[in-house]
Amino acid sequence: MLDFDTFLDVVNHTPLVAVDLVLVRGGHEVLLGLRNNRPAQGFWFVPGGRILKNERRWLCPRTMWCWATCCT
């Protein structure tokens, strides 16, 4: 695991891969979450997140689907 300063350096110098999921119900409702933590505290977001090194690609959508269906 990287220490926080090294992580910030990596973020500033490399592209990060992320996956976001937009769930629409009935053609007009969209699943959103409200951020509790800084720095984006109080902002709305769609479920998703960055993909970690060596993370299985098939696991990411499954994890987001479980999060989205459990939180609705």
N, C-alpha and C. Protein backbone atom coordinates (compact mmCIF):
# COMPACT_ATOMS: atom_id res chain seq x y z
N MET A 1 0.84 -1.17 0.00
CA MET A 1 0.00 0.00 0.00
C MET A 1 0.89 1.24 0.00
N LEU A 2 0.50 2.24 -0.77
CA LEU A 2 1.27 3.48 -0.84
C LEU A 2 0.94 4.39 0.33
N ASP A 3 1.94 5.14 0.79
CA ASP A 3 1.63 6.16 1.78
C ASP A 3 0.88 7.29 1.08
N PHE A 4 0.23 8.14 1.83
CA PHE A 4 -0.68 9.14 1.27
C PHE A 4 0.04 10.11 0.33
N ASP A 5 1.22 10.58 0.71
CA ASP A 5 1.95 11.53 -0.14
C ASP A 5 2.34 10.90 -1.47
N THR A 6 2.78 9.66 -1.45
CA THR A 6 3.12 8.97 -2.69
C THR A 6 1.87 8.77 -3.55
N PHE A 7 0.77 8.41 -2.91
CA PHE A 7 -0.50 8.26 -3.63
C PHE A 7 -0.87 9.55 -4.35
N LEU A 8 -0.78 10.68 -3.66
CA LEU A 8 -1.11 11.96 -4.28
C LEU A 8 -0.18 12.25 -5.45
N ASP A 9 1.08 11.90 -5.33
CA ASP A 9 2.04 12.09 -6.41
C ASP A 9 1.65 11.25 -7.62
N VAL A 10 1.26 10.01 -7.38
CA VAL A 10 0.82 9.13 -8.47
C VAL A 10 -0.43 9.70 -9.14
N VAL A 11 -1.39 10.14 -8.35
CA VAL A 11 -2.62 10.71 -8.90
C VAL A 11 -2.32 11.93 -9.77
N ASN A 12 -1.38 12.75 -9.34
CA ASN A 12 -1.04 13.95 -10.09
C ASN A 12 -0.31 13.66 -11.39
N HIS A 13 0.32 12.48 -11.52
CA HIS A 13 1.17 12.22 -12.67
C HIS A 13 0.71 11.07 -13.57
N THR A 14 -0.35 10.40 -13.21
CA THR A 14 -0.81 9.28 -14.03
C THR A 14 -2.33 9.31 -14.17
N PRO A 15 -2.83 8.75 -15.26
CA PRO A 15 -4.29 8.64 -15.38
C PRO A 15 -4.80 7.53 -14.45
N LEU A 16 -5.94 7.73 -13.88
CA LEU A 16 -6.58 6.70 -13.07
C LEU A 16 -7.74 6.11 -13.86
N VAL A 17 -7.93 4.82 -13.74
CA VAL A 17 -9.04 4.16 -14.40
C VAL A 17 -10.18 4.06 -13.40
N ALA A 18 -11.35 4.48 -13.83
CA ALA A 18 -12.52 4.44 -12.96
C ALA A 18 -13.73 3.93 -13.73
N VAL A 19 -14.68 3.42 -13.00
CA VAL A 19 -15.93 2.95 -13.59
C VAL A 19 -17.06 3.61 -12.83
N ASP A 20 -18.00 4.19 -13.56
CA ASP A 20 -19.20 4.76 -12.96
C ASP A 20 -20.42 4.04 -13.52
N LEU A 21 -21.45 3.97 -12.73
CA LEU A 21 -22.66 3.25 -13.10
C LEU A 21 -23.84 4.21 -12.99
N VAL A 22 -24.58 4.35 -14.07
CA VAL A 22 -25.78 5.19 -14.05
C VAL A 22 -26.99 4.27 -14.15
N LEU A 23 -27.77 4.23 -13.09
CA LEU A 23 -28.99 3.42 -13.06
C LEU A 23 -30.19 4.32 -13.21
N VAL A 24 -31.01 4.02 -14.22
CA VAL A 24 -32.21 4.82 -14.50
C VAL A 24 -33.43 3.92 -14.31
N ARG A 25 -34.41 4.44 -13.59
CA ARG A 25 -35.65 3.69 -13.35
C ARG A 25 -36.81 4.49 -13.91
N GLY A 26 -37.60 3.84 -14.72
CA GLY A 26 -38.80 4.47 -15.26
C GLY A 26 -38.51 5.60 -16.23
N GLY A 27 -37.33 5.70 -16.72
CA GLY A 27 -36.99 6.71 -17.70
C GLY A 27 -36.74 8.10 -17.15
N HIS A 28 -36.92 8.30 -15.84
CA HIS A 28 -36.74 9.65 -15.31
C HIS A 28 -36.13 9.70 -13.90
N GLU A 29 -35.95 8.55 -13.26
CA GLU A 29 -35.31 8.52 -11.94
C GLU A 29 -33.89 7.97 -12.09
N VAL A 30 -32.94 8.63 -11.44
CA VAL A 30 -31.54 8.23 -11.50
C VAL A 30 -31.04 8.02 -10.07
N LEU A 31 -30.33 6.90 -9.85
CA LEU A 31 -29.76 6.62 -8.54
C LEU A 31 -28.56 7.51 -8.29
N LEU A 32 -28.59 8.27 -7.21
CA LEU A 32 -27.48 9.13 -6.81
C LEU A 32 -27.17 8.90 -5.34
N GLY A 33 -25.94 9.16 -4.97
CA GLY A 33 -25.52 9.13 -3.57
C GLY A 33 -25.09 10.53 -3.16
N LEU A 34 -25.07 10.78 -1.87
CA LEU A 34 -24.61 12.07 -1.34
C LEU A 34 -23.32 11.84 -0.58
N ARG A 35 -22.26 12.53 -0.97
CA ARG A 35 -20.95 12.34 -0.35
C ARG A 35 -20.98 12.84 1.10
N ASN A 36 -20.43 12.00 1.99
CA ASN A 36 -20.32 12.36 3.41
C ASN A 36 -18.93 12.85 3.78
N ASN A 37 -17.93 12.49 2.97
CA ASN A 37 -16.54 12.77 3.32
C ASN A 37 -15.96 13.89 2.46
N ARG A 38 -14.98 14.58 3.03
CA ARG A 38 -14.27 15.62 2.30
C ARG A 38 -13.36 14.97 1.27
N PRO A 39 -13.00 15.60 0.20
CA PRO A 39 -13.23 17.00 -0.11
C PRO A 39 -14.54 17.26 -0.84
N ALA A 40 -15.26 16.21 -1.25
CA ALA A 40 -16.49 16.40 -2.02
C ALA A 40 -17.74 16.30 -1.15
N GLN A 41 -17.59 16.52 0.12
CA GLN A 41 -18.71 16.41 1.07
C GLN A 41 -19.87 17.30 0.62
N GLY A 42 -21.07 16.72 0.62
CA GLY A 42 -22.26 17.48 0.26
C GLY A 42 -22.59 17.47 -1.23
N PHE A 43 -21.75 16.84 -2.04
CA PHE A 43 -22.00 16.76 -3.47
C PHE A 43 -22.64 15.42 -3.83
N TRP A 44 -23.50 15.44 -4.85
CA TRP A 44 -24.14 14.23 -5.35
C TRP A 44 -23.22 13.50 -6.31
N PHE A 45 -23.34 12.16 -6.38
CA PHE A 45 -22.50 11.36 -7.26
C PHE A 45 -23.24 10.14 -7.74
N VAL A 46 -22.76 9.53 -8.83
CA VAL A 46 -23.27 8.23 -9.27
C VAL A 46 -22.36 7.16 -8.69
N PRO A 47 -22.87 5.94 -8.45
CA PRO A 47 -22.03 4.88 -7.90
C PRO A 47 -20.86 4.58 -8.83
N GLY A 48 -19.74 4.32 -8.25
CA GLY A 48 -18.56 3.99 -9.04
C GLY A 48 -17.30 4.13 -8.21
N GLY A 49 -16.20 4.09 -8.89
CA GLY A 49 -14.93 4.25 -8.19
C GLY A 49 -13.77 3.83 -9.05
N ARG A 50 -12.59 4.07 -8.53
CA ARG A 50 -11.40 3.71 -9.30
C ARG A 50 -11.15 2.21 -9.21
N ILE A 51 -10.49 1.71 -10.24
CA ILE A 51 -10.13 0.30 -10.30
C ILE A 51 -8.72 0.16 -9.74
N LEU A 52 -8.56 -0.71 -8.79
CA LEU A 52 -7.26 -0.92 -8.16
C LEU A 52 -6.38 -1.82 -9.01
N LYS A 53 -5.08 -1.67 -8.86
CA LYS A 53 -4.14 -2.51 -9.57
C LYS A 53 -4.41 -3.98 -9.27
N ASN A 54 -4.42 -4.79 -10.31
CA ASN A 54 -4.66 -6.24 -10.24
C ASN A 54 -6.09 -6.60 -9.82
N GLU A 55 -7.00 -5.64 -9.78
CA GLU A 55 -8.39 -5.96 -9.47
C GLU A 55 -9.01 -6.66 -10.67
N ARG A 56 -9.77 -7.66 -10.44
CA ARG A 56 -10.42 -8.39 -11.52
C ARG A 56 -11.48 -7.50 -12.17
N ARG A 57 -11.44 -7.40 -13.49
CA ARG A 57 -12.38 -6.53 -14.19
C ARG A 57 -13.83 -6.95 -13.99
N TRP A 58 -14.09 -8.25 -13.92
CA TRP A 58 -15.47 -8.71 -13.77
C TRP A 58 -16.02 -8.39 -12.39
N LEU A 59 -15.15 -8.20 -11.41
CA LEU A 59 -15.60 -7.95 -10.04
C LEU A 59 -16.13 -6.53 -9.86
N CYS A 60 -15.56 -5.59 -10.57
CA CYS A 60 -15.95 -4.19 -10.40
C CYS A 60 -17.43 -3.93 -10.69
N PRO A 61 -17.95 -4.29 -11.89
CA PRO A 61 -19.38 -4.05 -12.13
C PRO A 61 -20.28 -4.82 -11.17
N ARG A 62 -19.87 -6.03 -10.79
CA ARG A 62 -20.66 -6.83 -9.85
C ARG A 62 -20.74 -6.13 -8.50
N THR A 63 -19.62 -5.59 -8.03
CA THR A 63 -19.58 -4.88 -6.75
C THR A 63 -20.49 -3.65 -6.80
N MET A 64 -20.41 -2.89 -7.88
CA MET A 64 -21.26 -1.71 -8.00
C MET A 64 -22.72 -2.09 -8.09
N TRP A 65 -23.05 -3.18 -8.80
CA TRP A 65 -24.43 -3.61 -8.92
C TRP A 65 -24.98 -3.98 -7.54
N CYS A 66 -24.19 -4.70 -6.75
CA CYS A 66 -24.63 -5.07 -5.39
C CYS A 66 -24.85 -3.82 -4.54
N TRP A 67 -23.94 -2.85 -4.63
CA TRP A 67 -24.08 -1.61 -3.88
C TRP A 67 -25.35 -0.89 -4.30
N ALA A 68 -25.55 -0.79 -5.61
CA ALA A 68 -26.71 -0.04 -6.12
C ALA A 68 -28.03 -0.71 -5.75
N THR A 69 -28.11 -2.03 -5.84
CA THR A 69 -29.38 -2.70 -5.56
C THR A 69 -29.65 -2.79 -4.06
N CYS A 70 -28.61 -2.79 -3.25
CA CYS A 70 -28.82 -2.85 -1.80
C CYS A 70 -29.19 -1.49 -1.22
N CYS A 71 -28.84 -0.43 -1.91
CA CYS A 71 -29.06 0.92 -1.38
C CYS A 71 -30.31 1.58 -1.94
N THR A 72 -31.08 0.90 -2.77
CA THR A 72 -32.27 1.52 -3.35
C THR A 72 -33.49 1.19 -2.53
